[in-house]
Amino acid sequence: MTAARRRASTEERTARLTILVDPRKKAFFEALCAQEDQTPSQVVRRLIRDYIEKRTGEPWLPGEPPKLPKR
């Protein structure tokens, strides 16, 4: 099992994030995800985790989130 799969299996998926996106971008995004055999939700969760790690400089681990960086 990969580290990403272990991480995904330990994270709770209870919150919903609703976004508005251009229909053409949505369709293209879904097609790209399908080419990678991933769901759009999996890709968005990865993008969010990568963004958090980039901004905080710390790996995202289950449990308490890292502290917010100062502006």
Protein backbone atom coordinates (compact mmCIF):
# COMPACT_ATOMS: atom_id res chain seq x y z
CA MET A 1 0.00 0.00 0.00
CA THR A 2 1.40 3.41 -0.96
CA ALA A 3 1.86 6.23 1.53
CA ALA A 4 -0.84 8.23 -0.25
CA ARG A 5 -3.31 5.37 0.09
CA ARG A 6 -2.51 4.93 3.78
CA ARG A 7 -3.01 8.65 4.31
CA ALA A 8 -6.27 8.65 2.38
CA SER A 9 -7.61 5.67 4.30
CA THR A 10 -6.95 7.34 7.65
CA GLU A 11 -8.46 10.71 6.80
CA GLU A 12 -12.11 11.29 7.55
CA ARG A 13 -14.18 12.35 4.59
CA THR A 14 -17.09 14.04 6.29
CA ALA A 15 -16.96 17.65 5.10
CA ARG A 16 -18.36 18.82 1.80
CA LEU A 17 -16.78 21.57 -0.29
CA THR A 18 -19.01 23.09 -2.95
CA ILE A 19 -17.40 25.14 -5.70
CA LEU A 20 -18.65 26.83 -8.83
CA VAL A 21 -16.63 26.18 -11.96
CA ASP A 22 -17.07 26.80 -15.66
CA PRO A 23 -18.86 23.79 -17.20
CA ARG A 24 -16.19 23.35 -19.90
CA LYS A 25 -13.41 23.31 -17.30
CA LYS A 26 -15.38 20.81 -15.23
CA ALA A 27 -15.86 18.46 -18.18
CA PHE A 28 -12.18 18.73 -19.16
CA PHE A 29 -11.05 18.20 -15.56
CA GLU A 30 -13.25 15.10 -15.27
CA ALA A 31 -11.81 13.72 -18.52
CA LEU A 32 -8.25 14.28 -17.30
CA CYS A 33 -9.06 12.59 -13.99
CA ALA A 34 -10.54 9.62 -15.84
CA GLN A 35 -7.33 9.26 -17.87
CA GLU A 36 -5.45 8.88 -14.57
CA ASP A 37 -8.12 6.48 -13.24
CA GLN A 38 -8.86 8.89 -10.39
CA THR A 39 -12.05 10.56 -9.30
CA PRO A 40 -12.27 14.34 -9.34
CA SER A 41 -12.67 14.20 -5.55
CA GLN A 42 -9.39 12.32 -5.17
CA VAL A 43 -7.57 14.90 -7.28
CA VAL A 44 -9.11 17.87 -5.44
CA ARG A 45 -8.21 16.33 -2.05
CA ARG A 46 -4.62 15.90 -3.26
CA LEU A 47 -4.52 19.49 -4.56
CA ILE A 48 -5.80 20.81 -1.22
CA ARG A 49 -3.30 18.71 0.76
CA ASP A 50 -0.43 19.84 -1.52
CA TYR A 51 -1.49 23.48 -1.13
CA ILE A 52 -1.58 23.18 2.67
CA GLU A 53 1.85 21.53 2.73
CA LYS A 54 3.30 24.17 0.42
CA ARG A 55 1.92 27.05 2.48
CA THR A 56 2.87 25.65 5.89
CA GLY A 57 6.11 23.92 4.94
CA GLU A 58 4.96 20.89 6.92
CA PRO A 59 3.56 17.54 5.81
CA TRP A 60 -0.15 17.04 6.30
CA LEU A 61 -0.70 14.31 8.86
CA PRO A 62 -3.95 12.95 10.26
CA GLY A 63 -4.84 14.49 13.59
CA GLU A 64 -4.24 18.11 14.43
CA PRO A 65 -3.63 20.38 11.44
CA PRO A 66 -0.44 22.46 11.33
CA LYS A 67 -0.58 26.04 12.55
CA LEU A 68 -1.59 28.69 10.06
CA PRO A 69 1.41 30.52 8.62
CA LYS A 70 1.81 34.20 9.38
CA ARG A 71 1.07 36.52 6.49
